[in-house]
Each structure stands twice: as structure tokens, then as C-alpha cells.
PDB file of N, CA and C in Angstrom:
ATOM      1  N   MET A   1     117.564 146.223  77.513  1.00  0.00           N
ATOM      2  CA  MET A   1     117.748 145.096  76.488  1.00  0.00           C
ATOM      3  C   MET A   1     117.282 143.703  77.103  1.00  0.00           C
ATOM      4  N   ILE A   2     117.974 143.728  78.197  1.00  0.00           N
ATOM      5  CA  ILE A   2     117.949 142.338  78.925  1.00  0.00           C
ATOM      6  C   ILE A   2     116.363 142.166  79.598  1.00  0.00           C
ATOM      7  N   SER A   3     115.868 143.510  79.996  1.00  0.00           N
ATOM      8  CA  SER A   3     114.807 143.002  80.693  1.00  0.00           C
ATOM      9  C   SER A   3     113.642 142.929  79.457  1.00  0.00           C
ATOM     10  N   ALA A   4     113.718 143.245  78.500  1.00  0.00           N
ATOM     11  CA  ALA A   4     112.870 143.230  77.170  1.00  0.00           C
ATOM     12  C   ALA A   4     112.944 141.565  76.737  1.00  0.00           C
ATOM     13  N   PHE A   5     114.141 141.233  76.854  1.00  0.00           N
ATOM     14  CA  PHE A   5     114.232 139.697  76.459  1.00  0.00           C
ATOM     15  C   PHE A   5     113.667 138.961  77.583  1.00  0.00           C
ATOM     16  N   LEU A   6     113.798 139.178  78.883  1.00  0.00           N
ATOM     17  CA  LEU A   6     113.269 138.263  79.911  1.00  0.00           C
ATOM     18  C   LEU A   6     111.619 138.208  79.701  1.00  0.00           C
ATOM     19  N   ALA A   7     110.982 139.578  79.505  1.00  0.00           N
ATOM     20  CA  ALA A   7     109.582 139.775  79.473  1.00  0.00           C
ATOM     21  C   ALA A   7     109.178 138.995  78.276  1.00  0.00           C
ATOM     22  N   GLU A   8     109.698 139.034  77.232  1.00  0.00           N
ATOM     23  CA  GLU A   8     109.372 138.318  76.038  1.00  0.00           C
ATOM     24  C   GLU A   8     109.236 136.628  76.310  1.00  0.00           C
ATOM     25  N   ASN A   9     110.369 136.106  76.806  1.00  0.00           N
ATOM     26  CA  ASN A   9     110.481 134.633  77.030  1.00  0.00           C
ATOM     27  C   ASN A   9     109.451 134.185  78.226  1.00  0.00           C
ATOM     28  N   SER A  10     109.236 135.402  79.365  1.00  0.00           N
ATOM     29  CA  SER A  10     108.316 134.829  80.238  1.00  0.00           C
ATOM     30  C   SER A  10     106.897 134.772  79.841  1.00  0.00           C
ATOM     31  N   GLY A  11     106.471 135.373  79.010  1.00  0.00           N
ATOM     32  CA  GLY A  11     105.158 135.543  78.622  1.00  0.00           C
ATOM     33  C   GLY A  11     104.945 134.546  77.546  1.00  0.00           C
ATOM     34  N   GLY A  12     105.749 134.037  76.947  1.00  0.00           N
ATOM     35  CA  GLY A  12     105.345 132.874  75.873  1.00  0.00           C
ATOM     36  C   GLY A  12     105.618 131.630  76.301  1.00  0.00           C
ATOM     37  N   SER A  13     106.075 131.310  77.685  1.00  0.00           N
ATOM     38  CA  SER A  13     106.372 130.183  78.252  1.00  0.00           C
ATOM     39  C   SER A  13     104.947 129.581  79.049  1.00  0.00           C
ATOM     40  N   GLY A  14     103.959 130.346  78.917  1.00  0.00           N
ATOM     41  CA  GLY A  14     102.665 129.984  79.579  1.00  0.00           C
ATOM     42  C   GLY A  14     102.095 128.264  79.283  1.00  0.00           C
ATOM     43  N   GLY A  15     102.053 128.181  77.984  1.00  0.00           N
ATOM     44  CA  GLY A  15     101.656 127.061  77.568  1.00  0.00           C
ATOM     45  C   GLY A  15     102.546 125.886  77.809  1.00  0.00           C
ATOM     46  N   LEU A  16     103.839 126.153  77.742  1.00  0.00           N
ATOM     47  CA  LEU A  16     104.971 125.172  78.155  1.00  0.00           C
ATOM     48  C   LEU A  16     104.949 124.923  79.528  1.00  0.00           C
ATOM     49  N   GLY A  17     104.554 125.801  80.450  1.00  0.00           N
ATOM     50  CA  GLY A  17     104.498 125.506  81.855  1.00  0.00           C
ATOM     51  C   GLY A  17     103.312 124.598  82.307  1.00  0.00           C
ATOM     52  N   LEU A  18     102.161 125.025  81.493  1.00  0.00           N
ATOM     53  CA  LEU A  18     101.124 124.081  81.896  1.00  0.00           C
ATOM     54  C   LEU A  18     101.363 122.622  81.493  1.00  0.00           C
ATOM     55  N   LEU A  19     101.881 122.532  80.403  1.00  0.00           N
ATOM     56  CA  LEU A  19     102.217 121.136  79.769  1.00  0.00           C
ATOM     57  C   LEU A  19     103.179 120.380  80.779  1.00  0.00           C
ATOM     58  N   THR A  20     104.461 121.120  81.166  1.00  0.00           N
ATOM     59  CA  THR A  20     105.160 120.533  82.362  1.00  0.00           C
ATOM     60  C   THR A  20     104.422 120.124  83.507  1.00  0.00           C
ATOM     61  N   MET A  21     103.910 120.970  83.715  1.00  0.00           N
ATOM     62  CA  MET A  21     103.033 120.685  85.182  1.00  0.00           C
ATOM     63  C   MET A  21     102.386 119.474  85.032  1.00  0.00           C
ATOM     64  N   ILE A  22     101.489 119.258  83.972  1.00  0.00           N
ATOM     65  CA  ILE A  22     100.773 117.953  83.501  1.00  0.00           C
ATOM     66  C   ILE A  22     101.652 116.688  83.681  1.00  0.00           C
ATOM     67  N   ALA A  23     102.670 116.890  82.890  1.00  0.00           N
ATOM     68  CA  ALA A  23     103.627 115.843  82.731  1.00  0.00           C
ATOM     69  C   ALA A  23     104.258 115.208  84.366  1.00  0.00           C
ATOM     70  N   VAL A  24     104.422 116.401  84.869  1.00  0.00           N
ATOM     71  CA  VAL A  24     104.989 116.147  86.290  1.00  0.00           C
ATOM     72  C   VAL A  24     103.858 115.136  87.015  1.00  0.00           C
ATOM     73  N   TYR A  25     102.603 115.679  86.894  1.00  0.00           N
ATOM     74  CA  TYR A  25     101.356 114.988  87.716  1.00  0.00           C
ATOM     75  C   TYR A  25     101.380 113.534  86.948  1.00  0.00           C
ATOM     76  N   VAL A  26     101.474 113.294  85.931  1.00  0.00           N
ATOM     77  CA  VAL A  26     101.386 112.161  85.271  1.00  0.00           C
ATOM     78  C   VAL A  26     102.504 111.188  85.690  1.00  0.00           C
ATOM     79  N   VAL A  27     103.774 111.645  85.953  1.00  0.00           N
ATOM     80  CA  VAL A  27     104.802 110.965  86.412  1.00  0.00           C
ATOM     81  C   VAL A  27     104.602 110.389  87.614  1.00  0.00           C
ATOM     82  N   ILE A  28     103.989 111.513  88.686  1.00  0.00           N
ATOM     83  CA  ILE A  28     103.866 111.242  89.996  1.00  0.00           C
ATOM     84  C   ILE A  28     102.663 110.218  90.185  1.00  0.00           C
ATOM     85  N   PHE A  29     101.672 110.310  89.394  1.00  0.00           N
ATOM     86  CA  PHE A  29     100.750 109.318  89.688  1.00  0.00           C
ATOM     87  C   PHE A  29     101.100 108.064  89.010  1.00  0.00           C
ATOM     88  N   GLY A  30     101.913 107.819  87.937  1.00  0.00           N
ATOM     89  CA  GLY A  30     102.611 106.773  87.414  1.00  0.00           C
ATOM     90  C   GLY A  30     103.158 105.897  88.545  1.00  0.00           C
ATOM     91  N   ALA A  31     104.134 106.695  89.078  1.00  0.00           N
ATOM     92  CA  ALA A  31     104.994 106.072  90.270  1.00  0.00           C
ATOM     93  C   ALA A  31     104.214 105.689  91.542  1.00  0.00           C
ATOM     94  N   PHE A  32     103.246 106.419  91.701  1.00  0.00           N
ATOM     95  CA  PHE A  32     102.372 105.797  92.922  1.00  0.00           C
ATOM     96  C   PHE A  32     101.694 104.526  92.433  1.00  0.00           C
ATOM     97  N   TRP A  33     101.057 104.418  91.170  1.00  0.00           N
ATOM     98  CA  TRP A  33     100.480 103.205  90.974  1.00  0.00           C
ATOM     99  C   TRP A  33     101.525 102.064  90.876  1.00  0.00           C
ATOM    100  N   PHE A  34     102.667 102.348  90.262  1.00  0.00           N
ATOM    101  CA  PHE A  34     103.545 101.477  90.242  1.00  0.00           C
ATOM    102  C   PHE A  34     104.150 100.854  91.529  1.00  0.00           C
ATOM    103  N   PHE A  35     104.228 101.788  92.587  1.00  0.00           N
ATOM    104  CA  PHE A  35     105.023 101.348  93.680  1.00  0.00           C
ATOM    105  C   PHE A  35     103.844 101.067  94.882  1.00  0.00           C
ATOM    106  N   ALA A  36     102.746 101.558  94.833  1.00  0.00           N
ATOM    107  CA  ALA A  36     101.482 101.292  95.891  1.00  0.00           C
ATOM    108  C   ALA A  36     100.409 100.565  95.319  1.00  0.00           C
ATOM    109  N   ILE A  37      99.700 101.006  94.288  1.00  0.00           N
ATOM    110  CA  ILE A  37      98.423 100.213  93.767  1.00  0.00           C
ATOM    111  C   ILE A  37      98.881  98.882  93.163  1.00  0.00           C
ATOM    112  N   ARG A  38      99.828  98.925  92.246  1.00  0.00           N
ATOM    113  CA  ARG A  38     100.003  97.243  91.625  1.00  0.00           C
ATOM    114  C   ARG A  38     100.608  96.268  92.554  1.00  0.00           C
ATOM    115  N   PRO A  39     101.272  96.511  93.667  1.00  0.00           N
ATOM    116  CA  PRO A  39     101.878  95.424  94.467  1.00  0.00           C
ATOM    117  C   PRO A  39     100.595  94.899  95.690  1.00  0.00           C
ATOM    118  N   GLN A  40      99.823  96.005  95.870  1.00  0.00           N
ATOM    119  CA  GLN A  40      98.533  95.646  96.667  1.00  0.00           C
ATOM    120  C   GLN A  40      97.568  94.779  95.883  1.00  0.00           C
ATOM    121  N   LYS A  41      97.412  95.001  94.571  1.00  0.00           N
ATOM    122  CA  LYS A  41      96.341  94.201  93.755  1.00  0.00           C
ATOM    123  C   LYS A  41      96.838  92.660  93.786  1.00  0.00           C
ATOM    124  N   LYS A  42      98.549  92.667  93.338  1.00  0.00           N
ATOM    125  CA  LYS A  42      99.014  91.394  93.237  1.00  0.00           C
ATOM    126  C   LYS A  42      98.959  90.596  94.585  1.00  0.00           C
ATOM    127  N   GLN A  43      99.119  91.261  95.749  1.00  0.00           N
ATOM    128  CA  GLN A  43      98.827  90.654  96.938  1.00  0.00           C
ATOM    129  C   GLN A  43      97.572  90.185  97.141  1.00  0.00           C
ATOM    130  N   GLN A  44      96.611  90.902  96.726  1.00  0.00           N
ATOM    131  CA  GLN A  44      94.939  90.591  96.860  1.00  0.00           C
ATOM    132  C   GLN A  44      94.881  89.284  95.980  1.00  0.00           C
ATOM    133  N   LYS A  45      95.360  89.262  94.806  1.00  0.00           N
ATOM    134  CA  LYS A  45      95.132  88.082  93.982  1.00  0.00           C
ATOM    135  C   LYS A  45      95.889  86.787  94.410  1.00  0.00           C
ATOM    136  N   GLU A  46      97.008  87.012  95.182  1.00  0.00           N
ATOM    137  CA  GLU A  46      97.622  85.929  95.754  1.00  0.00           C
ATOM    138  C   GLU A  46      96.833  85.373  97.103  1.00  0.00           C
ATOM    139  N   HIS A  47      96.183  86.250  97.668  1.00  0.00           N
ATOM    140  CA  HIS A  47      95.384  85.802  98.806  1.00  0.00           C
ATOM    141  C   HIS A  47      93.940  85.134  98.594  1.00  0.00           C
ATOM    142  N   GLU A  48      93.391  85.761  97.354  1.00  0.00           N
ATOM    143  CA  GLU A  48      92.261  84.841  96.798  1.00  0.00           C
ATOM    144  C   GLU A  48      92.615  83.608  96.225  1.00  0.00           C
ATOM    145  N   THR A  49      93.911  83.272  95.881  1.00  0.00           N
ATOM    146  CA  THR A  49      93.984  82.042  95.374  1.00  0.00           C
ATOM    147  C   THR A  49      94.408  81.145  96.674  1.00  0.00           C
ATOM    148  N   LEU A  50      94.989  81.562  97.397  1.00  0.00           N
ATOM    149  CA  LEU A  50      95.255  80.785  98.919  1.00  0.00           C
ATOM    150  C   LEU A  50      93.860  80.357  99.381  1.00  0.00           C
ATOM    151  N   LEU A  51      92.760  81.582  99.408  1.00  0.00           N
ATOM    152  CA  LEU A  51      91.651  80.944 100.025  1.00  0.00           C
ATOM    153  C   LEU A  51      90.780  79.991  99.034  1.00  0.00           C
ATOM    154  N   SER A  52      90.954  79.998  97.781  1.00  0.00           N
ATOM    155  CA  SER A  52      90.369  79.288  97.012  1.00  0.00           C
ATOM    156  C   SER A  52      90.909  77.506  96.998  1.00  0.00           C
ATOM    157  N   ALA A  53      92.094  77.612  97.481  1.00  0.00           N
ATOM    158  CA  ALA A  53      92.852  76.255  97.899  1.00  0.00           C
ATOM    159  C   ALA A  53      92.209  75.906  99.362  1.00  0.00           C
ATOM    160  N   LEU A  54      91.673  76.421  99.911  1.00  0.00           N
ATOM    161  CA  LEU A  54      91.190  75.800 101.437  1.00  0.00           C
ATOM    162  C   LEU A  54      90.130  74.756 101.449  1.00  0.00           C
ATOM    163  N   ALA A  55      90.442  73.786 102.300  1.00  0.00           N
ATOM    164  CA  ALA A  55      89.589  72.438 102.163  1.00  0.00           C
ATOM    165  C   ALA A  55      89.479  72.094 103.974  1.00  0.00           C
ATOM    166  N   VAL A  56      88.439  71.295 103.870  1.00  0.00           N
ATOM    167  CA  VAL A  56      88.482  71.005 105.396  1.00  0.00           C
ATOM    168  C   VAL A  56      89.535  69.995 105.778  1.00  0.00           C
ATOM    169  N   GLY A  57      89.702  70.263 106.805  1.00  0.00           N
ATOM    170  CA  GLY A  57      90.996  69.482 107.561  1.00  0.00           C
ATOM    171  C   GLY A  57      92.091  70.207 107.517  1.00  0.00           C
ATOM    172  N   ASP A  58      92.590  71.455 106.759  1.00  0.00           N
ATOM    173  CA  ASP A  58      93.650  72.130 106.869  1.00  0.00           C
ATOM    174  C   ASP A  58      93.866  72.820 108.038  1.00  0.00           C
ATOM    175  N   SER A  59      95.092  72.929 108.369  1.00  0.00           N
ATOM    176  CA  SER A  59      95.488  73.952 109.383  1.00  0.00           C
ATOM    177  C   SER A  59      95.871  75.189 108.810  1.00  0.00           C
ATOM    178  N   ILE A  60      95.148  76.190 109.477  1.00  0.00           N
ATOM    179  CA  ILE A  60      95.386  77.666 109.287  1.00  0.00           C
ATOM    180  C   ILE A  60      95.915  78.524 110.188  1.00  0.00           C
ATOM    181  N   LEU A  61      96.551  79.745 109.875  1.00  0.00           N
ATOM    182  CA  LEU A  61      96.985  80.633 110.840  1.00  0.00           C
ATOM    183  C   LEU A  61      96.162  81.740 110.532  1.00  0.00           C
ATOM    184  N   THR A  62      95.593  82.566 111.697  1.00  0.00           N
ATOM    185  CA  THR A  62      94.608  83.472 111.347  1.00  0.00           C
ATOM    186  C   THR A  62      95.337  84.876 111.702  1.00  0.00           C
ATOM    187  N   THR A  63      94.735  86.013 111.326  1.00  0.00           N
ATOM    188  CA  THR A  63      95.460  87.269 111.455  1.00  0.00           C
ATOM    189  C   THR A  63      95.644  87.659 112.805  1.00  0.00           C
ATOM    190  N   SER A  64      94.989  87.102 113.734  1.00  0.00           N
ATOM    191  CA  SER A  64      95.354  87.365 115.375  1.00  0.00           C
ATOM    192  C   SER A  64      96.370  86.619 115.799  1.00  0.00           C
ATOM    193  N   GLY A  65      96.790  85.593 114.958  1.00  0.00           N
ATOM    194  CA  GLY A  65      98.036  84.670 115.387  1.00  0.00           C
ATOM    195  C   GLY A  65      97.445  83.322 115.928  1.00  0.00           C
ATOM    196  N   PHE A  66      96.397  82.952 115.832  1.00  0.00           N
ATOM    197  CA  PHE A  66      95.728  81.829 116.115  1.00  0.00           C
ATOM    198  C   PHE A  66      95.952  80.569 115.081  1.00  0.00           C
ATOM    199  N   TYR A  67      96.494  79.361 115.490  1.00  0.00           N
ATOM    200  CA  TYR A  67      96.373  78.315 114.754  1.00  0.00           C
ATOM    201  C   TYR A  67      95.108  77.440 115.134  1.00  0.00           C
ATOM    202  N   GLY A  68      94.540  76.816 113.906  1.00  0.00           N
ATOM    203  CA  GLY A  68      93.524  76.024 114.040  1.00  0.00           C
ATOM    204  C   GLY A  68      93.124  75.224 112.791  1.00  0.00           C
ATOM    205  N   VAL A  69      92.327  74.522 113.104  1.00  0.00           N
ATOM    206  CA  VAL A  69      91.980  73.423 111.981  1.00  0.00           C
ATOM    207  C   VAL A  69      90.513  73.734 111.333  1.00  0.00           C
ATOM    208  N   VAL A  70      90.354  73.566 110.055  1.00  0.00           N
ATOM    209  CA  VAL A  70      88.973  74.122 109.392  1.00  0.00           C
ATOM    210  C   VAL A  70      88.119  72.804 109.340  1.00  0.00           C
ATOM    211  N   ILE A  71      86.924  72.986 110.242  1.00  0.00           N
ATOM    212  CA  ILE A  71      86.066  72.032 110.269  1.00  0.00           C
ATOM    213  C   ILE A  71      84.808  72.038 109.098  1.00  0.00           C
ATOM    214  N   ASP A  72      84.463  73.508 108.770  1.00  0.00           N
ATOM    215  CA  ASP A  72      83.416  73.499 107.933  1.00  0.00           C
ATOM    216  C   ASP A  72      83.520  74.787 107.085  1.00  0.00           C
ATOM    217  N   ILE A  73      83.333  74.832 105.578  1.00  0.00           N
ATOM    218  CA  ILE A  73      83.461  75.966 104.818  1.00  0.00           C
ATOM    219  C   ILE A  73      82.207  76.352 104.328  1.00  0.00           C
ATOM    220  N   MET A  74      81.807  77.661 104.558  1.00  0.00           N
ATOM    221  CA  MET A  74      80.700  78.268 103.832  1.00  0.00           C
ATOM    222  C   MET A  74      80.984  79.513 102.838  1.00  0.00           C
ATOM    223  N   ASP A  75      80.224  80.171 102.467  1.00  0.00           N
ATOM    224  CA  ASP A  75      80.738  81.041 101.202  1.00  0.00           C
ATOM    225  C   ASP A  75      81.754  81.983 101.772  1.00  0.00           C
ATOM    226  N   GLU A  76      81.219  82.796 103.006  1.00  0.00           N
ATOM    227  CA  GLU A  76      82.068  83.771 103.551  1.00  0.00           C
ATOM    228  C   GLU A  76      82.766  83.484 104.946  1.00  0.00           C
ATOM    229  N   VAL A  77      82.143  82.442 105.208  1.00  0.00           N
ATOM    230  CA  VAL A  77      82.542  82.099 106.756  1.00  0.00           C
ATOM    231  C   VAL A  77      83.217  80.693 107.008  1.00  0.00           C
ATOM    232  N   VAL A  78      84.051  80.480 107.653  1.00  0.00           N
ATOM    233  CA  VAL A  78      84.789  79.163 108.236  1.00  0.00           C
ATOM    234  C   VAL A  78      84.580  79.023 109.643  1.00  0.00           C
ATOM    235  N   ILE A  79      84.363  77.501 109.867  1.00  0.00           N
ATOM    236  CA  ILE A  79      84.388  77.207 111.039  1.00  0.00           C
ATOM    237  C   ILE A  79      85.722  76.529 111.709  1.00  0.00           C
ATOM    238  N   VAL A  80      86.365  76.973 112.561  1.00  0.00           N
ATOM    239  CA  VAL A  80      87.688  76.703 112.817  1.00  0.00           C
ATOM    240  C   VAL A  80      87.734  75.994 114.132  1.00  0.00           C
ATOM    241  N   GLU A  81      88.329  75.077 114.617  1.00  0.00           N
ATOM    242  CA  GLU A  81      88.579  74.275 115.713  1.00  0.00           C
ATOM    243  C   GLU A  81      89.834  74.783 116.261  1.00  0.00           C
ATOM    244  N   PHE A  82      89.998  75.554 117.573  1.00  0.00           N
ATOM    245  CA  PHE A  82      91.126  75.860 117.978  1.00  0.00           C
ATOM    246  C   PHE A  82      91.489  75.025 119.281  1.00  0.00           C
ATOM    247  N   GLY A  83      92.797  74.873 119.386  1.00  0.00           N
ATOM    248  CA  GLY A  83      93.460  74.105 120.422  1.00  0.00           C
ATOM    249  C   GLY A  83      93.069  72.488 120.217  1.00  0.00           C
ATOM    250  N   SER A  84      93.469  71.645 121.423  1.00  0.00           N
ATOM    251  CA  SER A  84      93.108  70.261 121.533  1.00  0.00           C
ATOM    252  C   SER A  84      91.796  69.889 122.094  1.00  0.00           C
ATOM    253  N   ASN A  85      91.342  71.097 122.403  1.00  0.00           N
ATOM    254  CA  ASN A  85      89.686  70.953 123.002  1.00  0.00           C
ATOM    255  C   ASN A  85      88.666  70.758 121.811  1.00  0.00           C
ATOM    256  N   LYS A  86      87.974  69.687 121.645  1.00  0.00           N
ATOM    257  CA  LYS A  86      87.093  69.717 120.413  1.00  0.00           C
ATOM    258  C   LYS A  86      86.081  70.453 120.589  1.00  0.00           C
ATOM    259  N   ASN A  87      85.548  71.043 121.806  1.00  0.00           N
ATOM    260  CA  ASN A  87      84.475  71.932 121.809  1.00  0.00           C
ATOM    261  C   ASN A  87      84.699  73.351 121.408  1.00  0.00           C
ATOM    262  N   CYS A  88      86.033  73.607 121.243  1.00  0.00           N
ATOM    263  CA  CYS A  88      86.215  75.145 120.873  1.00  0.00           C
ATOM    264  C   CYS A  88      86.288  75.210 119.260  1.00  0.00           C
ATOM    265  N   ARG A  89      84.937  75.771 118.802  1.00  0.00           N
ATOM    266  CA  ARG A  89      84.796  75.987 117.232  1.00  0.00           C
ATOM    267  C   ARG A  89      84.278  77.027 117.052  1.00  0.00           C
ATOM    268  N   ILE A  90      84.954  77.893 116.454  1.00  0.00           N
ATOM    269  CA  ILE A  90      84.419  79.562 116.292  1.00  0.00           C
ATOM    270  C   ILE A  90      84.353  79.671 114.760  1.00  0.00           C
ATOM    271  N   PRO A  91      83.312  80.323 114.443  1.00  0.00           N
ATOM    272  CA  PRO A  91      83.080  80.613 113.186  1.00  0.00           C
ATOM    273  C   PRO A  91      83.735  82.103 112.932  1.00  0.00           C
ATOM    274  N   MET A  92      84.472  82.182 111.863  1.00  0.00           N
ATOM    275  CA  MET A  92      85.339  83.513 111.427  1.00  0.00           C
ATOM    276  C   MET A  92      85.311  83.673 110.055  1.00  0.00           C
ATOM    277  N   LYS A  93      85.556  84.894 109.261  1.00  0.00           N
ATOM    278  CA  LYS A  93      85.583  84.970 108.111  1.00  0.00           C
ATOM    279  C   LYS A  93      86.720  84.563 107.347  1.00  0.00           C
ATOM    280  N   LYS A  94      86.356  84.263 106.085  1.00  0.00           N
ATOM    281  CA  LYS A  94      87.667  83.910 105.122  1.00  0.00           C
ATOM    282  C   LYS A  94      88.792  84.800 105.059  1.00  0.00           C
ATOM    283  N   ASP A  95      88.485  85.805 105.183  1.00  0.00           N
ATOM    284  CA  ASP A  95      89.471  86.895 104.846  1.00  0.00           C
ATOM    285  C   ASP A  95      90.447  86.985 105.909  1.00  0.00           C
ATOM    286  N   ASN A  96      90.251  86.486 107.261  1.00  0.00           N
ATOM    287  CA  ASN A  96      91.045  86.778 108.309  1.00  0.00           C
ATOM    288  C   ASN A  96      92.277  85.342 108.248  1.00  0.00           C
ATOM    289  N   ILE A  97      91.989  84.705 107.116  1.00  0.00           N
ATOM    290  CA  ILE A  97      93.118  83.472 107.068  1.00  0.00           C
ATOM    291  C   ILE A  97      94.240  83.883 106.322  1.00  0.00           C
ATOM    292  N   VAL A  98      95.507  83.906 107.053  1.00  0.00           N
ATOM    293  CA  VAL A  98      96.805  84.405 106.372  1.00  0.00           C
ATOM    294  C   VAL A  98      97.446  83.187 105.913  1.00  0.00           C
ATOM    295  N   GLU A  99      97.553  82.039 106.384  1.00  0.00           N
ATOM    296  CA  GLU A  99      98.267  80.994 106.011  1.00  0.00           C
ATOM    297  C   GLU A  99      97.645  79.637 105.894  1.00  0.00           C
ATOM    298  N   ILE A 100      97.626  78.622 104.991  1.00  0.00           N
ATOM    299  CA  ILE A 100      97.366  77.479 105.083  1.00  0.00           C
ATOM    300  C   ILE A 100      98.368  76.441 105.010  1.00  0.00           C
ATOM    301  N   ASP A 101      98.272  75.361 105.972  1.00  0.00           N
ATOM    302  CA  ASP A 101      99.151  74.330 105.780  1.00  0.00           C
ATOM    303  C   ASP A 101      98.359  73.081 105.523  1.00  0.00           C
ATOM    304  N   LYS A 102      98.589  72.575 104.319  1.00  0.00           N
ATOM    305  CA  LYS A 102      97.816  71.464 103.789  1.00  0.00           C
ATOM    306  C   LYS A 102      98.339  70.078 104.411  1.00  0.00           C
ATOM    307  N   GLN A 103      97.313  69.298 104.943  1.00  0.00           N
ATOM    308  CA  GLN A 103      97.697  68.200 105.652  1.00  0.00           C
ATOM    309  C   GLN A 103      98.229  67.108 104.650  1.00  0.00           C
ATOM    310  N   GLY A 104      97.774  66.973 103.374  1.00  0.00           N
ATOM    311  CA  GLY A 104      98.117  65.952 102.451  1.00  0.00           C
ATOM    312  C   GLY A 104      99.500  65.968 102.109  1.00  0.00           C
ATOM    313  N   GLU A 105     100.150  67.327 102.245  1.00  0.00           N
ATOM    314  CA  GLU A 105     101.416  67.671 101.555  1.00  0.00           C
ATOM    315  C   GLU A 105     102.410  66.782 102.161  1.00  0.00           C
ATOM    316  N   GLU A 106     102.487  66.515 103.193  1.00  0.00           N
ATOM    317  CA  GLU A 106     103.460  65.997 104.315  1.00  0.00           C
ATOM    318  C   GLU A 106     103.799  64.738 104.128  1.00  0.00           C
TER     319      GLU A 106
END
């Protein structure tokens, strides 16, 4: 009698098992999006607004840890002057700028 009851319940739960499995995948994807993708997109927007405020004469910090002053700004490239030597001007990508220190704010 018990084996007949177990066989009857296990056969009918195939649709419920599939629905549960899909729900688990949806919850896992939602958690992954909430904890991984969403913060990364927010950080990317903040970086884009940081770069849009870039102006000639601003002091910057690069991803490699160098401090410099912006000399010229083009579409994707910025020419930066490093150190007190006025001859050390290096073109670099805008994406490598981590921090901007505005000279007019002080």
C-alpha cells in the first residue's frame, strides 16, 4: 500500500519538478544580476560621467598609479604631462583615468 502511494506521487510530480527547477534558475540569475551585473553597470556610468567632466589643466591619477596634468583632450586619447619635466608628455587612453582633481575647486 505504501509503495503504491509513493509510485503514484512520484509519477505525477514531473511537471512540478520542472517548474521548480525553472524557478530556481530564475532566482539564481536574478541574484547574479543584482549582485554582479547591476553594480558593474553603475560603476561604468560613474566612470563615464567622471570622464565627461575632464578638462585641460586637471590633475589626474592613472590606473598604473601615475599622477599627471592633462595637456590636450581628443576623442579617445588624452595627452598627459607627468612630473615637473615639461618634456614628458605621453598620449594615453581616457579609460585609464581613475581620478580627476579639478584645479578650480581649491
